[in-house]
Amino acid sequence: METKSNLPESLSKPAKRALQGAGYVRLEQLTKVREAEIMQLHGMGPKALELLKKSLAEMGLSFDKNS
């Protein structure tokens, strides 16, 4: 069964490809990783990261804060 992606529609194509290539298709999955890990993905930039943070916050979620 395919999991429907809930990544922000306004996310750039390179950023979406980077996340999907790393196995992230749902915002909830991002709560298990740190921002720094996401920023290392090829295609991710500061604008995309801010958009993800905002989308997570709207759901009452955030990136993993533990190191």
N, C-alpha and C. Protein backbone atom coordinates (compact mmCIF):
# COMPACT_ATOMS: atom_id res chain seq x y z
N MET A 1 0.84 -1.19 0.00
CA MET A 1 0.00 0.00 0.00
C MET A 1 0.88 1.25 0.00
N GLU A 2 0.62 2.15 -0.89
CA GLU A 2 1.42 3.37 -0.99
C GLU A 2 0.92 4.42 0.00
N THR A 3 1.85 5.02 0.71
CA THR A 3 1.50 6.06 1.67
C THR A 3 1.39 7.38 0.94
N LYS A 4 0.29 8.07 1.11
CA LYS A 4 0.08 9.35 0.44
C LYS A 4 0.99 10.39 1.06
N SER A 5 1.71 11.11 0.22
CA SER A 5 2.60 12.16 0.70
C SER A 5 1.80 13.35 1.20
N ASN A 6 2.26 13.95 2.28
CA ASN A 6 1.65 15.19 2.75
C ASN A 6 2.69 16.30 2.84
N LEU A 7 3.75 16.17 2.02
CA LEU A 7 4.74 17.23 1.96
C LEU A 7 4.09 18.47 1.35
N PRO A 8 4.53 19.66 1.76
CA PRO A 8 3.91 20.89 1.25
C PRO A 8 3.94 20.96 -0.28
N GLU A 9 2.81 21.33 -0.86
CA GLU A 9 2.70 21.47 -2.32
C GLU A 9 3.69 22.50 -2.87
N SER A 10 3.94 23.54 -2.08
CA SER A 10 4.80 24.63 -2.55
C SER A 10 6.29 24.32 -2.44
N LEU A 11 6.62 23.14 -1.92
CA LEU A 11 8.03 22.73 -1.82
C LEU A 11 8.60 22.57 -3.23
N SER A 12 9.82 23.04 -3.44
CA SER A 12 10.43 22.96 -4.78
C SER A 12 10.61 21.50 -5.20
N LYS A 13 10.62 21.29 -6.50
CA LYS A 13 10.80 19.92 -7.02
C LYS A 13 12.11 19.28 -6.55
N PRO A 14 13.25 20.02 -6.60
CA PRO A 14 14.49 19.39 -6.11
C PRO A 14 14.40 18.99 -4.64
N ALA A 15 13.75 19.82 -3.83
CA ALA A 15 13.62 19.50 -2.40
C ALA A 15 12.72 18.28 -2.21
N LYS A 16 11.63 18.22 -2.95
CA LYS A 16 10.73 17.05 -2.86
C LYS A 16 11.46 15.78 -3.28
N ARG A 17 12.21 15.87 -4.38
CA ARG A 17 12.97 14.70 -4.85
C ARG A 17 13.99 14.26 -3.81
N ALA A 18 14.65 15.23 -3.18
CA ALA A 18 15.65 14.92 -2.16
C ALA A 18 15.01 14.18 -1.00
N LEU A 19 13.88 14.68 -0.53
CA LEU A 19 13.19 14.04 0.59
C LEU A 19 12.68 12.66 0.22
N GLN A 20 12.04 12.55 -0.94
CA GLN A 20 11.50 11.26 -1.36
C GLN A 20 12.61 10.25 -1.62
N GLY A 21 13.73 10.74 -2.16
CA GLY A 21 14.86 9.86 -2.41
C GLY A 21 15.45 9.30 -1.13
N ALA A 22 15.32 10.07 -0.05
CA ALA A 22 15.82 9.63 1.26
C ALA A 22 14.74 8.84 2.02
N GLY A 23 13.57 8.69 1.39
CA GLY A 23 12.51 7.89 2.02
C GLY A 23 11.50 8.68 2.83
N TYR A 24 11.56 10.00 2.74
CA TYR A 24 10.60 10.83 3.48
C TYR A 24 9.47 11.27 2.57
N VAL A 25 8.28 10.78 2.84
CA VAL A 25 7.12 11.16 2.04
C VAL A 25 6.04 11.83 2.89
N ARG A 26 6.18 11.72 4.21
CA ARG A 26 5.20 12.33 5.12
C ARG A 26 5.91 13.22 6.13
N LEU A 27 5.26 14.32 6.48
CA LEU A 27 5.84 15.26 7.44
C LEU A 27 6.14 14.57 8.78
N GLU A 28 5.28 13.66 9.18
CA GLU A 28 5.47 12.98 10.47
C GLU A 28 6.82 12.27 10.54
N GLN A 29 7.32 11.79 9.41
CA GLN A 29 8.62 11.10 9.40
C GLN A 29 9.75 12.05 9.77
N LEU A 30 9.57 13.34 9.52
CA LEU A 30 10.63 14.31 9.77
C LEU A 30 10.82 14.59 11.26
N THR A 31 9.88 14.17 12.10
CA THR A 31 10.02 14.37 13.54
C THR A 31 11.10 13.47 14.12
N LYS A 32 11.56 12.50 13.33
CA LYS A 32 12.58 11.55 13.80
C LYS A 32 13.99 11.92 13.36
N VAL A 33 14.12 13.03 12.61
CA VAL A 33 15.44 13.46 12.15
C VAL A 33 15.69 14.92 12.52
N ARG A 34 16.96 15.27 12.57
CA ARG A 34 17.31 16.66 12.90
C ARG A 34 17.37 17.50 11.62
N GLU A 35 17.19 18.80 11.80
CA GLU A 35 17.25 19.74 10.67
C GLU A 35 18.56 19.58 9.90
N ALA A 36 19.65 19.42 10.63
CA ALA A 36 20.97 19.31 9.99
C ALA A 36 21.03 18.14 9.02
N GLU A 37 20.37 17.03 9.39
CA GLU A 37 20.37 15.85 8.51
C GLU A 37 19.62 16.15 7.22
N ILE A 38 18.51 16.86 7.32
CA ILE A 38 17.70 17.19 6.15
C ILE A 38 18.47 18.17 5.25
N MET A 39 19.16 19.11 5.86
CA MET A 39 19.92 20.10 5.09
C MET A 39 21.05 19.47 4.30
N GLN A 40 21.50 18.29 4.70
CA GLN A 40 22.59 17.62 3.99
C GLN A 40 22.11 16.97 2.69
N LEU A 41 20.80 16.84 2.54
CA LEU A 41 20.26 16.21 1.32
C LEU A 41 20.48 17.14 0.13
N HIS A 42 20.92 16.58 -0.97
CA HIS A 42 21.14 17.36 -2.19
C HIS A 42 19.79 17.86 -2.71
N GLY A 43 19.65 19.17 -2.84
CA GLY A 43 18.39 19.74 -3.31
C GLY A 43 17.65 20.51 -2.23
N MET A 44 18.08 20.34 -0.99
CA MET A 44 17.44 21.05 0.12
C MET A 44 18.16 22.38 0.35
N GLY A 45 17.39 23.42 0.60
CA GLY A 45 17.96 24.72 0.89
C GLY A 45 17.24 25.35 2.06
N PRO A 46 17.70 26.53 2.49
CA PRO A 46 17.10 27.21 3.64
C PRO A 46 15.61 27.49 3.47
N LYS A 47 15.21 27.86 2.25
CA LYS A 47 13.80 28.16 2.00
C LYS A 47 12.93 26.92 2.18
N ALA A 48 13.40 25.79 1.64
CA ALA A 48 12.67 24.53 1.76
C ALA A 48 12.60 24.10 3.23
N LEU A 49 13.69 24.28 3.96
CA LEU A 49 13.71 23.90 5.37
C LEU A 49 12.71 24.73 6.16
N GLU A 50 12.66 26.04 5.91
CA GLU A 50 11.70 26.90 6.60
C GLU A 50 10.27 26.48 6.31
N LEU A 51 10.00 26.12 5.07
CA LEU A 51 8.67 25.67 4.68
C LEU A 51 8.30 24.38 5.42
N LEU A 52 9.25 23.46 5.54
CA LEU A 52 9.00 22.22 6.27
C LEU A 52 8.76 22.50 7.75
N LYS A 53 9.57 23.39 8.34
CA LYS A 53 9.40 23.74 9.76
C LYS A 53 8.02 24.35 10.01
N LYS A 54 7.60 25.23 9.10
CA LYS A 54 6.29 25.88 9.23
C LYS A 54 5.17 24.84 9.12
N SER A 55 5.30 23.94 8.16
CA SER A 55 4.28 22.90 7.97
C SER A 55 4.21 21.97 9.17
N LEU A 56 5.37 21.62 9.72
CA LEU A 56 5.39 20.78 10.92
C LEU A 56 4.73 21.50 12.09
N ALA A 57 5.07 22.78 12.26
CA ALA A 57 4.53 23.56 13.37
C ALA A 57 3.01 23.66 13.29
N GLU A 58 2.48 23.76 12.08
CA GLU A 58 1.03 23.83 11.90
C GLU A 58 0.35 22.55 12.36
N MET A 59 1.09 21.46 12.38
CA MET A 59 0.56 20.17 12.84
C MET A 59 0.92 19.92 14.31
N GLY A 60 1.58 20.90 14.93
CA GLY A 60 2.02 20.75 16.32
C GLY A 60 3.24 19.85 16.44
N LEU A 61 4.01 19.75 15.36
CA LEU A 61 5.19 18.88 15.32
C LEU A 61 6.45 19.71 15.08
N SER A 62 7.60 19.06 15.21
CA SER A 62 8.88 19.73 14.91
C SER A 62 9.92 18.67 14.57
N PHE A 63 11.04 19.14 14.03
CA PHE A 63 12.17 18.23 13.80
C PHE A 63 12.67 17.71 15.14
N ASP A 64 13.39 16.61 15.11
CA ASP A 64 13.97 16.04 16.32
C ASP A 64 14.96 17.03 16.91
N LYS A 65 14.85 17.28 18.20
CA LYS A 65 15.75 18.23 18.86
C LYS A 65 16.93 17.54 19.53
N ASN A 66 16.89 16.23 19.64
CA ASN A 66 17.95 15.47 20.31
C ASN A 66 19.13 15.25 19.37
N SER A 67 20.33 15.23 19.95
CA SER A 67 21.51 15.01 19.10
C SER A 67 22.08 13.64 19.25
